[in-house]
Each structure stands twice: as structure tokens, then as C-alpha cells.
Amino acid sequence: MTPSPGFQIAELCIDRCVCVRVPFARLLPVARQEGWDLPALIAATGCGDQCGMCRPYLAAMLRDGTTIFRTILSADSEGEPS
């Protein structure tokens, strides 16, 4: 599909749990301080417990500290780009 003139495609920026409306940058320091793994983060914050679309991003955030993602991660990718 070719965009019409004047139409711009925004750069992909995934930076939050949209269901709970919490940015990953706000979650990361708390998760590190509390020593949360993914199940503990989900239980404590509700992030990843509703639609689940943010779970691979939360897993990647906990693994390597990334809080802004420019690629779509799939649920079965365990944080690897699909």
C-alpha cells in the first residue's frame, strides 16, 4: 500500500503497557529495585495481565533494560524481533 501524498508513516515506538497506561521507563527502576521477574511484575502492576500484547516487551525490558522498542515482538519470540 502506497501512502497518499502528505501522509506520513510515524516511526514505530512501543514504550508502554497500553491497557494500564504505564510507560516501561517507569516500570524498569521499580522492577529492578524489587527484583521482579515477569510474573511478579504482572502481579504487582497489572501490566501484561489484560490483553497481554506487552508481555514480550516486558520480558525484554527485564532482560536487557530496553524501554523503547522499534520492532514488533511476538508472544512466542521471548523478546526477539519477529
Protein backbone atom coordinates (compact mmCIF):
# COMPACT_ATOMS: atom_id res chain seq x y z
CA MET A 1 0.00 0.00 0.00
CA THR A 2 1.42 3.36 -1.03
CA PRO A 3 0.64 6.30 1.27
CA SER A 4 -1.20 9.19 -0.33
CA PRO A 5 0.70 12.48 -0.76
CA GLY A 6 1.01 14.33 2.52
CA PHE A 7 0.50 11.13 4.52
CA GLN A 8 3.41 10.28 6.80
CA ILE A 9 4.01 6.96 8.50
CA ALA A 10 5.14 7.51 12.06
CA GLU A 11 8.19 5.68 13.32
CA LEU A 12 7.25 2.68 15.41
CA CYS A 13 7.62 3.42 19.12
CA ILE A 14 6.38 0.88 21.65
CA ASP A 15 7.09 2.23 25.11
CA ARG A 16 4.26 1.27 27.44
CA CYS A 17 1.54 -1.09 28.54
CA VAL A 18 -1.44 0.48 26.81
CA CYS A 19 -4.04 -1.30 28.97
CA VAL A 20 -2.67 0.07 32.23
CA ARG A 21 -1.12 3.15 30.56
CA VAL A 22 2.24 2.76 32.29
CA PRO A 23 5.48 3.52 30.41
CA PHE A 24 8.15 0.83 30.53
CA ALA A 25 10.63 3.52 31.67
CA ARG A 26 8.56 3.93 34.84
CA LEU A 27 8.34 0.17 35.42
CA LEU A 28 12.01 -0.68 34.94
CA PRO A 29 13.51 1.03 38.03
CA VAL A 30 10.78 -0.36 40.28
CA ALA A 31 11.17 -3.85 38.83
CA ARG A 32 14.93 -3.74 39.38
CA GLN A 33 14.56 -2.38 42.91
CA GLU A 34 12.01 -5.05 43.83
CA GLY A 35 13.82 -7.84 41.98
CA TRP A 36 10.72 -8.74 39.98
CA ASP A 37 10.64 -11.37 37.29
CA LEU A 38 7.86 -11.22 34.69
CA PRO A 39 5.17 -13.00 36.76
CA ALA A 40 5.93 -10.76 39.77
CA LEU A 41 5.77 -7.61 37.63
CA ILE A 42 2.42 -8.70 36.18
CA ALA A 43 1.03 -9.50 39.63
CA ALA A 44 2.21 -6.23 41.17
CA THR A 45 1.28 -3.81 38.38
CA GLY A 46 -1.39 -5.45 36.23
CA CYS A 47 0.77 -4.78 33.17
CA GLY A 48 0.66 -7.76 30.84
CA ASP A 49 -2.38 -9.18 32.61
CA GLN A 50 -5.09 -7.83 30.32
CA CYS A 51 -4.55 -8.05 26.55
CA GLY A 52 -1.03 -9.45 27.00
CA MET A 53 0.44 -7.64 24.00
CA CYS A 54 3.12 -6.02 26.16
CA ARG A 55 4.40 -9.27 27.70
CA PRO A 56 7.25 -9.82 25.21
CA TYR A 57 8.29 -6.18 25.69
CA LEU A 58 8.16 -6.50 29.46
CA ALA A 59 10.28 -9.66 29.25
CA ALA A 60 12.83 -7.89 27.05
CA MET A 61 12.82 -4.86 29.38
CA LEU A 62 13.57 -7.07 32.36
CA ARG A 63 16.26 -8.94 30.45
CA ASP A 64 18.23 -6.03 28.96
CA GLY A 65 16.79 -2.73 30.20
CA THR A 66 15.25 -1.63 26.90
CA THR A 67 12.25 0.67 27.45
CA ILE A 68 11.59 1.84 23.88
CA PHE A 69 11.10 -0.72 21.14
CA ARG A 70 11.27 -0.06 17.40
CA THR A 71 10.32 -3.58 16.30
CA ILE A 72 7.23 -5.70 16.86
CA LEU A 73 7.85 -8.63 19.18
CA SER A 74 5.65 -11.70 19.13
CA ALA A 75 4.45 -13.53 22.21
CA ASP A 76 6.46 -16.62 21.31
CA SER A 77 9.65 -14.71 20.47
CA GLU A 78 10.60 -14.15 24.14
CA GLY A 79 11.68 -10.63 23.31
CA GLU A 80 13.31 -11.26 19.94
CA PRO A 81 12.10 -9.27 16.91
CA SER A 82 9.64 -11.16 14.74
